[in-house]
Amino acid sequence: MTKPALLLLFAATFSLQMVSAQKKYTVKTIAFYNAENLFDTIQSSDSDADRTPSGAYKWTSRRYADKISKLARVISEIGAEVTGTAPDVIGLAEIENGNVLHDLVSNSTLSRYDYGIIHFDSPDHRGIDVALLYRKKIFTPISFSNVPLKIYTEEGYRIYTRDQLLVSGILDGEPVHLIVNHWPSRYGGEKKSRPNRIAAAELNKKIIDSLLTVNPSAKIISMGDLNDDPADPSLKRILKTRTRKAGIKDGELFNPMEKMAQKGLGTLAHRDQWHLFDQIFFTAEFLKKDKSSYRYWKAGIYNKRYLLTPTGPYKGYPLRSYANGRYSGGYSDHFPVYIYLVKQIP
């Protein structure tokens, strides 16, 4: 089938999906992407010494510019096959500082979307943070804060990790709360490090509960690299995320990523095993039948062919920037994830 024919077929399919019995809908994309160590080339602390031109990773201006361009391409395409545009809101992880975010949104691929930036420096020992980008004509932030995750070793030493970013604002006329996460890693083993992610989940629940106390019908979206799969205790025991829409109650959390994980899908691979660490879950308010305000439509993993390692022992894995200590010129070791929100047009 020719490319024009394929475009016509897609247009017809999209029309069927979004226009029913003369009802028309508008669609918004909410996304999350772990950018895999998006550092600039300037050393600002001991934590980024390796990511400089003379450091272990030989992180040159040319490689940095290439990374920015590649990430900009990926971001611009998430959800675009349905909406025709870049995500309205995207959470990011593994960001060094505000400078790299400005370079990212100023890239020619993304500059047309006029993204705003919300970012705080966190005390993470690796020097990486979370952030939120938003299209200024779609989302207006009202308040934002970084909520520290304070966890300690058995000896009483603090483990410095990423803050959780809370942003409250107006998405196309509707109040929405967004939380961006990057929970502690599995360094030292999944079991040994599990309490750290349990603590992260408890903090996330505390933030969500505080918002629901003020407004039980609050629309809350939590997203991030959780370093846990959807069925792990941090999500099922602490946050009590639900897999099925049926019977879900106000204030409960729905996680569309769990069914994807059950099918063997993932956002990163390690030792021949896929994990779905990158997740977006949200309050039941997004599942109400009334489509006069934004509701959840569907979720996805953005894993297009060009993001895959083409050959070798890691064929099919995400094509990352570095593999086995060598520069591979890729994008990230994670795939982005996204959800679509839909609202009926009066």
C-alpha atoms as a PDB file:
ATOM      1  CA  MET A   1       0.000   0.000   0.000  1.00  0.00           C
ATOM      2  CA  THR A   2       1.359   3.422  -0.905  1.00  0.00           C
ATOM      3  CA  LYS A   3       2.118   6.070   1.732  1.00  0.00           C
ATOM      4  CA  PRO A   4      -0.777   8.350   0.631  1.00  0.00           C
ATOM      5  CA  ALA A   5      -3.138   5.391   0.839  1.00  0.00           C
ATOM      6  CA  LEU A   6      -1.890   4.580   4.330  1.00  0.00           C
ATOM      7  CA  LEU A   7      -2.448   8.182   5.409  1.00  0.00           C
ATOM      8  CA  LEU A   8      -5.995   8.095   4.061  1.00  0.00           C
ATOM      9  CA  LEU A   9      -6.632   4.809   5.868  1.00  0.00           C
ATOM     10  CA  PHE A  10      -5.361   6.277   9.133  1.00  0.00           C
ATOM     11  CA  ALA A  11      -7.447   9.407   8.709  1.00  0.00           C
ATOM     12  CA  ALA A  12     -10.553   7.291   8.169  1.00  0.00           C
ATOM     13  CA  THR A  13      -9.724   5.105  11.183  1.00  0.00           C
ATOM     14  CA  PHE A  14      -9.126   8.134  13.392  1.00  0.00           C
ATOM     15  CA  SER A  15     -12.399   9.680  12.273  1.00  0.00           C
ATOM     16  CA  LEU A  16     -14.233   6.537  13.287  1.00  0.00           C
ATOM     17  CA  GLN A  17     -12.513   6.520  16.661  1.00  0.00           C
ATOM     18  CA  MET A  18     -13.118  10.138  17.523  1.00  0.00           C
ATOM     19  CA  VAL A  19     -16.454  10.874  15.859  1.00  0.00           C
ATOM     20  CA  SER A  20     -19.426   8.774  16.925  1.00  0.00           C
ATOM     21  CA  ALA A  21     -23.090   9.564  16.239  1.00  0.00           C
ATOM     22  CA  GLN A  22     -22.101  13.142  15.359  1.00  0.00           C
ATOM     23  CA  LYS A  23     -20.137  13.501  18.599  1.00  0.00           C
ATOM     24  CA  LYS A  24     -16.697  15.023  18.303  1.00  0.00           C
ATOM     25  CA  TYR A  25     -13.848  14.848  20.779  1.00  0.00           C
ATOM     26  CA  THR A  26     -10.649  16.699  21.531  1.00  0.00           C
ATOM     27  CA  VAL A  27      -7.615  14.633  22.592  1.00  0.00           C
ATOM     28  CA  LYS A  28      -4.709  15.553  24.874  1.00  0.00           C
ATOM     29  CA  THR A  29      -1.502  13.571  25.398  1.00  0.00           C
ATOM     30  CA  ILE A  30       0.169  13.210  28.797  1.00  0.00           C
ATOM     31  CA  ALA A  31       3.581  11.531  28.588  1.00  0.00           C
ATOM     32  CA  PHE A  32       6.625  10.519  30.608  1.00  0.00           C
ATOM     33  CA  TYR A  33      10.193   9.888  29.440  1.00  0.00           C
ATOM     34  CA  ASN A  34      13.372   8.885  31.272  1.00  0.00           C
ATOM     35  CA  ALA A  35      15.976  10.752  29.213  1.00  0.00           C
ATOM     36  CA  GLU A  36      18.916   8.597  30.403  1.00  0.00           C
ATOM     37  CA  ASN A  37      21.470  10.955  31.908  1.00  0.00           C
ATOM     38  CA  LEU A  38      20.774  14.192  30.069  1.00  0.00           C
ATOM     39  CA  PHE A  39      23.866  16.099  31.209  1.00  0.00           C
ATOM     40  CA  ASP A  40      25.521  19.118  29.669  1.00  0.00           C
ATOM     41  CA  THR A  41      29.313  19.126  29.183  1.00  0.00           C
ATOM     42  CA  ILE A  42      30.167  21.479  32.055  1.00  0.00           C
ATOM     43  CA  GLN A  43      31.315  20.005  35.343  1.00  0.00           C
ATOM     44  CA  SER A  44      29.367  21.534  38.217  1.00  0.00           C
ATOM     45  CA  SER A  45      30.085  18.953  40.919  1.00  0.00           C
ATOM     46  CA  ASP A  46      31.910  15.695  41.529  1.00  0.00           C
ATOM     47  CA  SER A  47      28.779  13.771  40.466  1.00  0.00           C
ATOM     48  CA  ASP A  48      29.080  14.819  36.800  1.00  0.00           C
ATOM     49  CA  ALA A  49      32.867  14.649  36.365  1.00  0.00           C
ATOM     50  CA  ASP A  50      32.572  11.598  34.111  1.00  0.00           C
ATOM     51  CA  ARG A  51      30.165  13.411  31.777  1.00  0.00           C
ATOM     52  CA  THR A  52      32.551  16.022  30.464  1.00  0.00           C
ATOM     53  CA  PRO A  53      34.797  16.065  27.356  1.00  0.00           C
ATOM     54  CA  SER A  54      37.748  14.809  29.420  1.00  0.00           C
ATOM     55  CA  GLY A  55      35.705  12.480  31.622  1.00  0.00           C
ATOM     56  CA  ALA A  56      35.195   8.736  31.372  1.00  0.00           C
ATOM     57  CA  TYR A  57      32.269   9.089  28.956  1.00  0.00           C
ATOM     58  CA  LYS A  58      34.028  11.618  26.673  1.00  0.00           C
ATOM     59  CA  TRP A  59      30.833  13.673  26.733  1.00  0.00           C
ATOM     60  CA  THR A  60      31.559  16.280  24.079  1.00  0.00           C
ATOM     61  CA  SER A  61      29.472  19.206  22.842  1.00  0.00           C
ATOM     62  CA  ARG A  62      28.840  17.300  19.630  1.00  0.00           C
ATOM     63  CA  ARG A  63      27.484  14.267  21.462  1.00  0.00           C
ATOM     64  CA  TYR A  64      25.407  16.475  23.745  1.00  0.00           C
ATOM     65  CA  ALA A  65      23.848  18.325  20.804  1.00  0.00           C
ATOM     66  CA  ASP A  66      23.086  15.013  19.113  1.00  0.00           C
ATOM     67  CA  LYS A  67      21.409  13.723  22.282  1.00  0.00           C
ATOM     68  CA  ILE A  68      19.287  16.875  22.542  1.00  0.00           C
ATOM     69  CA  SER A  69      18.187  16.556  18.901  1.00  0.00           C
ATOM     70  CA  LYS A  70      17.304  12.905  19.284  1.00  0.00           C
ATOM     71  CA  LEU A  71      15.300  13.409  22.471  1.00  0.00           C
ATOM     72  CA  ALA A  72      13.494  16.346  20.849  1.00  0.00           C
ATOM     73  CA  ARG A  73      12.487  14.127  17.947  1.00  0.00           C
ATOM     74  CA  VAL A  74      11.119  11.439  20.245  1.00  0.00           C
ATOM     75  CA  ILE A  75       9.168  13.892  22.375  1.00  0.00           C
ATOM     76  CA  SER A  76       7.687  15.610  19.318  1.00  0.00           C
ATOM     77  CA  GLU A  77       6.298  12.304  18.039  1.00  0.00           C
ATOM     78  CA  ILE A  78       4.729  10.875  21.207  1.00  0.00           C
ATOM     79  CA  GLY A  79       0.987  10.755  20.614  1.00  0.00           C
ATOM     80  CA  ALA A  80       1.263  12.670  17.347  1.00  0.00           C
ATOM     81  CA  GLU A  81      -0.208   9.854  15.277  1.00  0.00           C
ATOM     82  CA  VAL A  82      -3.548  10.626  16.940  1.00  0.00           C
ATOM     83  CA  THR A  83      -3.341  14.299  17.916  1.00  0.00           C
ATOM     84  CA  GLY A  84      -1.077  15.548  15.128  1.00  0.00           C
ATOM     85  CA  THR A  85       1.055  17.370  17.671  1.00  0.00           C
ATOM     86  CA  ALA A  86       3.552  16.875  20.510  1.00  0.00           C
ATOM     87  CA  PRO A  87       2.449  15.973  24.062  1.00  0.00           C
ATOM     88  CA  ASP A  88       0.590  18.667  25.954  1.00  0.00           C
ATOM     89  CA  VAL A  89       2.400  17.700  29.151  1.00  0.00           C
ATOM     90  CA  ILE A  90       5.474  15.503  29.571  1.00  0.00           C
ATOM     91  CA  GLY A  91       7.284  14.485  32.729  1.00  0.00           C
ATOM     92  CA  LEU A  92      11.020  13.874  32.455  1.00  0.00           C
ATOM     93  CA  ALA A  93      13.585  12.024  34.563  1.00  0.00           C
ATOM     94  CA  GLU A  94      17.394  11.952  34.666  1.00  0.00           C
ATOM     95  CA  ILE A  95      17.740  15.667  33.932  1.00  0.00           C
ATOM     96  CA  GLU A  96      20.908  17.362  35.212  1.00  0.00           C
ATOM     97  CA  ASN A  97      19.698  20.945  35.493  1.00  0.00           C
ATOM     98  CA  GLY A  98      17.558  23.714  34.068  1.00  0.00           C
ATOM     99  CA  ASN A  99      20.101  24.478  31.334  1.00  0.00           C
ATOM    100  CA  VAL A 100      19.599  21.156  29.571  1.00  0.00           C
ATOM    101  CA  LEU A 101      15.841  21.657  29.686  1.00  0.00           C
ATOM    102  CA  HIS A 102      16.159  25.071  28.042  1.00  0.00           C
ATOM    103  CA  ASP A 103      18.400  23.556  25.360  1.00  0.00           C
ATOM    104  CA  LEU A 104      15.837  20.804  24.825  1.00  0.00           C
ATOM    105  CA  VAL A 105      12.762  23.013  24.410  1.00  0.00           C
ATOM    106  CA  SER A 106      14.768  25.475  22.282  1.00  0.00           C
ATOM    107  CA  ASN A 107      15.708  22.773  19.793  1.00  0.00           C
ATOM    108  CA  SER A 108      14.176  23.492  16.384  1.00  0.00           C
ATOM    109  CA  THR A 109      12.040  20.349  16.572  1.00  0.00           C
ATOM    110  CA  LEU A 110      10.340  21.421  19.813  1.00  0.00           C
ATOM    111  CA  SER A 111      10.537  25.224  19.799  1.00  0.00           C
ATOM    112  CA  ARG A 112       7.319  25.551  17.773  1.00  0.00           C
ATOM    113  CA  TYR A 113       5.349  24.008  20.661  1.00  0.00           C
ATOM    114  CA  ASP A 114       6.318  26.754  23.127  1.00  0.00           C
ATOM    115  CA  TYR A 115       6.995  24.503  26.117  1.00  0.00           C
ATOM    116  CA  GLY A 116       7.217  25.899  29.613  1.00  0.00           C
ATOM    117  CA  ILE A 117       9.529  24.312  32.176  1.00  0.00           C
ATOM    118  CA  ILE A 118       9.046  23.393  35.827  1.00  0.00           C
ATOM    119  CA  HIS A 119      12.165  22.073  37.546  1.00  0.00           C
ATOM    120  CA  PHE A 120      13.838  22.041  40.941  1.00  0.00           C
ATOM    121  CA  ASP A 121      17.346  20.887  41.814  1.00  0.00           C
ATOM    122  CA  SER A 122      17.129  17.801  44.001  1.00  0.00           C
ATOM    123  CA  PRO A 123      19.760  16.389  46.403  1.00  0.00           C
ATOM    124  CA  ASP A 124      20.178  13.181  44.388  1.00  0.00           C
ATOM    125  CA  HIS A 125      23.695  11.770  44.697  1.00  0.00           C
ATOM    126  CA  ARG A 126      23.920  11.240  40.924  1.00  0.00           C
ATOM    127  CA  GLY A 127      23.009  14.845  40.215  1.00  0.00           C
ATOM    128  CA  ILE A 128      19.794  14.033  38.332  1.00  0.00           C
ATOM    129  CA  ASP A 129      16.329  15.509  38.749  1.00  0.00           C
ATOM    130  CA  VAL A 130      12.773  15.228  37.490  1.00  0.00           C
ATOM    131  CA  ALA A 131      10.999  17.988  35.553  1.00  0.00           C
ATOM    132  CA  LEU A 132       7.787  18.852  33.757  1.00  0.00           C
ATOM    133  CA  LEU A 133       7.352  20.396  30.316  1.00  0.00           C
ATOM    134  CA  TYR A 134       3.991  21.827  29.337  1.00  0.00           C
ATOM    135  CA  ARG A 135       2.555  23.552  26.284  1.00  0.00           C
ATOM    136  CA  LYS A 136       1.766  27.042  27.484  1.00  0.00           C
ATOM    137  CA  LYS A 137      -1.378  27.418  25.410  1.00  0.00           C
ATOM    138  CA  ILE A 138      -2.819  24.174  26.828  1.00  0.00           C
ATOM    139  CA  PHE A 139      -1.683  24.006  30.449  1.00  0.00           C
ATOM    140  CA  THR A 140      -1.373  26.828  32.985  1.00  0.00           C
ATOM    141  CA  PRO A 141       0.492  25.971  36.197  1.00  0.00           C
ATOM    142  CA  ILE A 142      -1.039  27.439  39.355  1.00  0.00           C
ATOM    143  CA  SER A 143       1.287  25.999  41.991  1.00  0.00           C
ATOM    144  CA  PHE A 144       4.280  23.687  42.051  1.00  0.00           C
ATOM    145  CA  SER A 145       6.638  22.296  44.665  1.00  0.00           C
ATOM    146  CA  ASN A 146       9.305  19.666  45.132  1.00  0.00           C
ATOM    147  CA  VAL A 147       8.505  17.195  47.895  1.00  0.00           C
ATOM    148  CA  PRO A 148      11.666  15.604  49.338  1.00  0.00           C
ATOM    149  CA  LEU A 149      11.898  11.864  49.851  1.00  0.00           C
ATOM    150  CA  LYS A 150      13.803  11.334  53.083  1.00  0.00           C
ATOM    151  CA  ILE A 151      15.015   7.783  53.588  1.00  0.00           C
ATOM    152  CA  TYR A 152      17.836   6.525  55.770  1.00  0.00           C
ATOM    153  CA  THR A 153      20.132   3.530  56.089  1.00  0.00           C
ATOM    154  CA  GLU A 154      20.026   1.281  59.143  1.00  0.00           C
ATOM    155  CA  GLU A 155      23.007   3.262  60.425  1.00  0.00           C
ATOM    156  CA  GLY A 156      21.040   6.487  60.206  1.00  0.00           C
ATOM    157  CA  TYR A 157      22.655   7.980  57.112  1.00  0.00           C
ATOM    158  CA  ARG A 158      20.353   9.696  54.648  1.00  0.00           C
ATOM    159  CA  ILE A 159      20.079   8.255  51.151  1.00  0.00           C
ATOM    160  CA  TYR A 160      19.941  11.249  48.841  1.00  0.00           C
ATOM    161  CA  THR A 161      17.557  10.609  45.980  1.00  0.00           C
ATOM    162  CA  ARG A 162      15.099  12.449  43.737  1.00  0.00           C
ATOM    163  CA  ASP A 163      12.351  14.707  45.045  1.00  0.00           C
ATOM    164  CA  GLN A 164       8.778  14.184  43.838  1.00  0.00           C
ATOM    165  CA  LEU A 165       7.517  17.099  41.766  1.00  0.00           C
ATOM    166  CA  LEU A 166       3.913  18.225  42.351  1.00  0.00           C
ATOM    167  CA  VAL A 167       2.355  20.586  39.808  1.00  0.00           C
ATOM    168  CA  SER A 168      -1.246  21.798  40.026  1.00  0.00           C
ATOM    169  CA  GLY A 169      -2.778  23.745  37.198  1.00  0.00           C
ATOM    170  CA  ILE A 170      -5.422  24.145  34.525  1.00  0.00           C
ATOM    171  CA  LEU A 171      -5.406  21.788  31.547  1.00  0.00           C
ATOM    172  CA  ASP A 172      -7.522  23.303  28.795  1.00  0.00           C
ATOM    173  CA  GLY A 173      -9.882  24.827  31.342  1.00  0.00           C
ATOM    174  CA  GLU A 174      -9.890  21.968  33.867  1.00  0.00           C
ATOM    175  CA  PRO A 175      -8.057  21.640  37.212  1.00  0.00           C
ATOM    176  CA  VAL A 176      -5.489  18.822  37.153  1.00  0.00           C
ATOM    177  CA  HIS A 177      -2.715  17.742  39.532  1.00  0.00           C
ATOM    178  CA  LEU A 178       0.454  16.127  38.157  1.00  0.00           C
ATOM    179  CA  ILE A 179       3.152  14.296  40.096  1.00  0.00           C
ATOM    180  CA  VAL A 180       6.499  13.414  38.475  1.00  0.00           C
ATOM    181  CA  ASN A 181       8.538  10.622  40.075  1.00  0.00           C
ATOM    182  CA  HIS A 182      11.854   8.854  39.799  1.00  0.00           C
ATOM    183  CA  TRP A 183      11.887   6.353  42.633  1.00  0.00           C
ATOM    184  CA  PRO A 184      15.090   4.840  44.114  1.00  0.00           C
ATOM    185  CA  SER A 185      16.886   2.290  41.992  1.00  0.00           C
ATOM    186  CA  ARG A 186      17.375  -1.429  42.550  1.00  0.00           C
ATOM    187  CA  TYR A 187      21.080  -0.975  43.242  1.00  0.00           C
ATOM    188  CA  GLY A 188      22.191  -3.729  45.609  1.00  0.00           C
ATOM    189  CA  GLY A 189      19.343  -5.988  44.536  1.00  0.00           C
ATOM    190  CA  GLU A 190      15.566  -5.714  44.272  1.00  0.00           C
ATOM    191  CA  LYS A 191      14.822  -7.163  47.713  1.00  0.00           C
ATOM    192  CA  LYS A 192      17.435  -5.160  49.591  1.00  0.00           C
ATOM    193  CA  SER A 193      16.427  -1.890  47.939  1.00  0.00           C
ATOM    194  CA  ARG A 194      12.645  -2.520  48.102  1.00  0.00           C
ATOM    195  CA  PRO A 195      12.102  -0.525  51.325  1.00  0.00           C
ATOM    196  CA  ASN A 196      13.345   2.600  49.538  1.00  0.00           C
ATOM    197  CA  ARG A 197      10.658   2.292  46.869  1.00  0.00           C
ATOM    198  CA  ILE A 198       8.064   1.458  49.487  1.00  0.00           C
ATOM    199  CA  ALA A 199       9.004   4.775  51.112  1.00  0.00           C
ATOM    200  CA  ALA A 200       8.656   6.533  47.745  1.00  0.00           C
ATOM    201  CA  ALA A 201       5.205   4.995  47.256  1.00  0.00           C
ATOM    202  CA  GLU A 202       4.186   6.089  50.750  1.00  0.00           C
ATOM    203  CA  LEU A 203       5.238   9.652  49.969  1.00  0.00           C
ATOM    204  CA  ASN A 204       3.343   9.530  46.670  1.00  0.00           C
ATOM    205  CA  LYS A 205       0.239   8.277  48.492  1.00  0.00           C
ATOM    206  CA  LYS A 206       0.599  11.025  51.094  1.00  0.00           C
ATOM    207  CA  ILE A 207       0.640  13.665  48.347  1.00  0.00           C
ATOM    208  CA  ILE A 208      -2.368  12.121  46.584  1.00  0.00           C
ATOM    209  CA  ASP A 209      -4.337  11.727  49.825  1.00  0.00           C
ATOM    210  CA  SER A 210      -3.697  15.349  50.764  1.00  0.00           C
ATOM    211  CA  LEU A 211      -5.121  16.494  47.416  1.00  0.00           C
ATOM    212  CA  LEU A 212      -8.146  14.203  47.765  1.00  0.00           C
ATOM    213  CA  THR A 213      -8.810  15.518  51.267  1.00  0.00           C
ATOM    214  CA  VAL A 214      -9.265  18.980  49.813  1.00  0.00           C
ATOM    215  CA  ASN A 215     -11.257  17.706  46.825  1.00  0.00           C
ATOM    216  CA  PRO A 216     -12.442  14.066  46.735  1.00  0.00           C
ATOM    217  CA  SER A 217     -13.106  14.446  42.994  1.00  0.00           C
ATOM    218  CA  ALA A 218      -9.639  15.757  42.190  1.00  0.00           C
ATOM    219  CA  LYS A 219      -8.094  14.686  38.904  1.00  0.00           C
ATOM    220  CA  ILE A 220      -4.615  13.478  39.809  1.00  0.00           C
ATOM    221  CA  ILE A 221      -2.040  11.921  37.487  1.00  0.00           C
ATOM    222  CA  SER A 222       1.142  10.376  38.872  1.00  0.00           C
ATOM    223  CA  MET A 223       3.872   9.397  36.417  1.00  0.00           C
ATOM    224  CA  GLY A 224       7.475   8.353  36.441  1.00  0.00           C
ATOM    225  CA  ASP A 225      10.234   5.803  36.411  1.00  0.00           C
ATOM    226  CA  LEU A 226       9.268   3.847  39.504  1.00  0.00           C
ATOM    227  CA  ASN A 227      12.008   1.192  39.295  1.00  0.00           C
ATOM    228  CA  ASP A 228       9.213  -1.239  40.115  1.00  0.00           C
ATOM    229  CA  ASP A 229       6.796  -3.156  37.933  1.00  0.00           C
ATOM    230  CA  PRO A 230       3.028  -2.548  38.157  1.00  0.00           C
ATOM    231  CA  ALA A 231       2.411  -5.665  40.269  1.00  0.00           C
ATOM    232  CA  ASP A 232       5.142  -4.943  42.839  1.00  0.00           C
ATOM    233  CA  PRO A 233       4.264  -4.184  46.490  1.00  0.00           C
ATOM    234  CA  SER A 234       4.954  -0.453  46.206  1.00  0.00           C
ATOM    235  CA  LEU A 235       2.046  -0.104  43.798  1.00  0.00           C
ATOM    236  CA  LYS A 236      -0.307  -2.901  44.811  1.00  0.00           C
ATOM    237  CA  ARG A 237       0.114  -2.836  48.595  1.00  0.00           C
ATOM    238  CA  ILE A 238       0.897   0.827  49.275  1.00  0.00           C
ATOM    239  CA  LEU A 239      -0.847   2.739  46.491  1.00  0.00           C
ATOM    240  CA  LYS A 240      -3.415  -0.038  45.934  1.00  0.00           C
ATOM    241  CA  THR A 241      -3.539   0.588  42.195  1.00  0.00           C
ATOM    242  CA  ARG A 242      -6.389  -1.086  40.341  1.00  0.00           C
ATOM    243  CA  THR A 243      -6.127  -3.036  37.095  1.00  0.00           C
ATOM    244  CA  ARG A 244      -9.801  -3.040  36.152  1.00  0.00           C
ATOM    245  CA  LYS A 245     -12.091  -0.089  35.638  1.00  0.00           C
ATOM    246  CA  ALA A 246     -15.175  -1.978  36.783  1.00  0.00           C
ATOM    247  CA  GLY A 247     -16.096  -1.254  40.375  1.00  0.00           C
ATOM    248  CA  ILE A 248     -13.384   1.315  40.943  1.00  0.00           C
ATOM    249  CA  LYS A 249     -14.320   3.818  43.654  1.00  0.00           C
ATOM    250  CA  ASP A 250     -13.734   7.542  43.998  1.00  0.00           C
ATOM    251  CA  GLY A 251     -10.223   8.245  45.180  1.00  0.00           C
ATOM    252  CA  GLU A 252      -8.840   4.888  44.053  1.00  0.00           C
ATOM    253  CA  LEU A 253      -6.046   4.714  41.509  1.00  0.00           C
ATOM    254  CA  PHE A 254      -6.194   3.038  38.105  1.00  0.00           C
ATOM    255  CA  ASN A 255      -2.985   1.821  36.470  1.00  0.00           C
ATOM    256  CA  PRO A 256      -3.399   0.994  32.751  1.00  0.00           C
ATOM    257  CA  MET A 257       0.204  -0.212  32.613  1.00  0.00           C
ATOM    258  CA  GLU A 258      -0.456  -3.372  34.593  1.00  0.00           C
ATOM    259  CA  LYS A 259      -2.307  -5.114  31.764  1.00  0.00           C
ATOM    260  CA  MET A 260       0.555  -4.205  29.422  1.00  0.00           C
ATOM    261  CA  ALA A 261       3.029  -5.821  31.811  1.00  0.00           C
ATOM    262  CA  GLN A 262       0.859  -8.934  31.994  1.00  0.00           C
ATOM    263  CA  LYS A 263       1.202  -9.198  28.210  1.00  0.00           C
ATOM    264  CA  GLY A 264       4.993  -9.106  28.487  1.00  0.00           C
ATOM    265  CA  LEU A 265       5.422  -5.521  27.355  1.00  0.00           C
ATOM    266  CA  GLY A 266       8.067  -3.307  28.915  1.00  0.00           C
ATOM    267  CA  THR A 267       9.894  -0.011  28.785  1.00  0.00           C
ATOM    268  CA  LEU A 268      13.395  -1.297  29.549  1.00  0.00           C
ATOM    269  CA  ALA A 269      15.205  -4.613  29.479  1.00  0.00           C
ATOM    270  CA  HIS A 270      17.788  -6.067  31.824  1.00  0.00           C
ATOM    271  CA  ARG A 271      19.403  -9.508  31.605  1.00  0.00           C
ATOM    272  CA  ASP A 272      16.914 -10.720  29.003  1.00  0.00           C
ATOM    273  CA  GLN A 273      13.942  -9.639  31.103  1.00  0.00           C
ATOM    274  CA  TRP A 274      11.555  -6.825  30.254  1.00  0.00           C
ATOM    275  CA  HIS A 275      10.355  -4.459  32.961  1.00  0.00           C
ATOM    276  CA  LEU A 276       7.635  -1.835  32.855  1.00  0.00           C
ATOM    277  CA  PHE A 277       9.128   0.643  35.318  1.00  0.00           C
ATOM    278  CA  ASP A 278       7.819   3.710  33.463  1.00  0.00           C
ATOM    279  CA  GLN A 279       4.185   4.144  34.419  1.00  0.00           C
ATOM    280  CA  ILE A 280       1.287   6.601  34.487  1.00  0.00           C
ATOM    281  CA  PHE A 281      -1.581   6.023  36.912  1.00  0.00           C
ATOM    282  CA  PHE A 282      -4.427   8.288  37.980  1.00  0.00           C
ATOM    283  CA  THR A 283      -7.524   8.790  40.120  1.00  0.00           C
ATOM    284  CA  ALA A 284     -10.863   7.224  39.268  1.00  0.00           C
ATOM    285  CA  GLU A 285     -12.318  10.620  38.338  1.00  0.00           C
ATOM    286  CA  PHE A 286     -10.735  10.171  34.901  1.00  0.00           C
ATOM    287  CA  LEU A 287     -12.854   7.047  34.357  1.00  0.00           C
ATOM    288  CA  LYS A 288     -16.296   8.608  34.766  1.00  0.00           C
ATOM    289  CA  LYS A 289     -18.666   8.056  31.833  1.00  0.00           C
ATOM    290  CA  ASP A 290     -19.521  11.715  31.370  1.00  0.00           C
ATOM    291  CA  LYS A 291     -17.264  12.935  28.549  1.00  0.00           C
ATOM    292  CA  SER A 292     -18.066  16.623  29.015  1.00  0.00           C
ATOM    293  CA  SER A 293     -14.695  16.919  30.790  1.00  0.00           C
ATOM    294  CA  TYR A 294     -11.413  15.131  30.155  1.00  0.00           C
ATOM    295  CA  ARG A 295     -11.507  11.365  30.663  1.00  0.00           C
ATOM    296  CA  TYR A 296      -8.999   8.579  30.136  1.00  0.00           C
ATOM    297  CA  TRP A 297      -9.106   6.996  26.668  1.00  0.00           C
ATOM    298  CA  LYS A 298      -6.094   4.702  26.329  1.00  0.00           C
ATOM    299  CA  ALA A 299      -2.397   4.276  27.159  1.00  0.00           C
ATOM    300  CA  GLY A 300       0.671   3.230  25.223  1.00  0.00           C
ATOM    301  CA  ILE A 301       4.407   2.654  25.121  1.00  0.00           C
ATOM    302  CA  TYR A 302       6.231   4.652  22.454  1.00  0.00           C
ATOM    303  CA  ASN A 303       8.601   1.984  21.128  1.00  0.00           C
ATOM    304  CA  LYS A 304       8.978   2.730  17.431  1.00  0.00           C
ATOM    305  CA  ARG A 305      11.512   0.752  15.441  1.00  0.00           C
ATOM    306  CA  TYR A 306      14.128   3.515  15.343  1.00  0.00           C
ATOM    307  CA  LEU A 307      14.310   3.423  19.162  1.00  0.00           C
ATOM    308  CA  LEU A 308      15.390  -0.230  19.142  1.00  0.00           C
ATOM    309  CA  THR A 309      18.939  -1.592  19.126  1.00  0.00           C
ATOM    310  CA  PRO A 310      19.153  -3.057  15.612  1.00  0.00           C
ATOM    311  CA  THR A 311      21.774  -5.798  16.030  1.00  0.00           C
ATOM    312  CA  GLY A 312      23.957  -7.664  18.505  1.00  0.00           C
ATOM    313  CA  PRO A 313      23.252  -9.253  21.885  1.00  0.00           C
ATOM    314  CA  TYR A 314      20.916  -6.379  22.857  1.00  0.00           C
ATOM    315  CA  LYS A 315      18.880  -6.447  19.673  1.00  0.00           C
ATOM    316  CA  GLY A 316      15.382  -5.163  20.361  1.00  0.00           C
ATOM    317  CA  TYR A 317      16.361  -3.398  23.590  1.00  0.00           C
ATOM    318  CA  PRO A 318      16.031   0.399  23.785  1.00  0.00           C
ATOM    319  CA  LEU A 319      18.863   2.022  21.818  1.00  0.00           C
ATOM    320  CA  ARG A 320      20.707   3.864  24.568  1.00  0.00           C
ATOM    321  CA  SER A 321      23.404   6.533  24.522  1.00  0.00           C
ATOM    322  CA  TYR A 322      26.024   4.257  26.054  1.00  0.00           C
ATOM    323  CA  ALA A 323      26.243   0.475  26.094  1.00  0.00           C
ATOM    324  CA  ASN A 324      28.973  -1.496  27.840  1.00  0.00           C
ATOM    325  CA  GLY A 325      30.833   1.737  28.524  1.00  0.00           C
ATOM    326  CA  ARG A 326      30.936   2.723  24.851  1.00  0.00           C
ATOM    327  CA  TYR A 327      29.114   5.534  23.114  1.00  0.00           C
ATOM    328  CA  SER A 328      26.376   4.054  20.952  1.00  0.00           C
ATOM    329  CA  GLY A 329      24.669   7.272  19.844  1.00  0.00           C
ATOM    330  CA  GLY A 330      21.196   6.215  20.871  1.00  0.00           C
ATOM    331  CA  TYR A 331      18.284   7.873  22.618  1.00  0.00           C
ATOM    332  CA  SER A 332      17.625   6.380  26.052  1.00  0.00           C
ATOM    333  CA  ASP A 333      17.650   3.056  27.851  1.00  0.00           C
ATOM    334  CA  HIS A 334      13.907   3.551  28.456  1.00  0.00           C
ATOM    335  CA  PHE A 335      10.909   3.872  26.142  1.00  0.00           C
ATOM    336  CA  PRO A 336       8.490   6.735  26.828  1.00  0.00           C
ATOM    337  CA  VAL A 337       4.926   6.053  27.969  1.00  0.00           C
ATOM    338  CA  TYR A 338       1.780   8.083  27.453  1.00  0.00           C
ATOM    339  CA  ILE A 339      -1.960   8.311  27.978  1.00  0.00           C
ATOM    340  CA  TYR A 340      -4.656  10.022  25.932  1.00  0.00           C
ATOM    341  CA  LEU A 341      -7.348  12.111  27.584  1.00  0.00           C
ATOM    342  CA  VAL A 342     -10.516  12.878  25.617  1.00  0.00           C
ATOM    343  CA  LYS A 343     -13.330  15.380  26.013  1.00  0.00           C
ATOM    344  CA  GLN A 344     -16.487  15.790  23.993  1.00  0.00           C
ATOM    345  CA  ILE A 345     -16.706  19.030  22.043  1.00  0.00           C
ATOM    346  CA  PRO A 346     -20.057  20.762  22.674  1.00  0.00           C
END
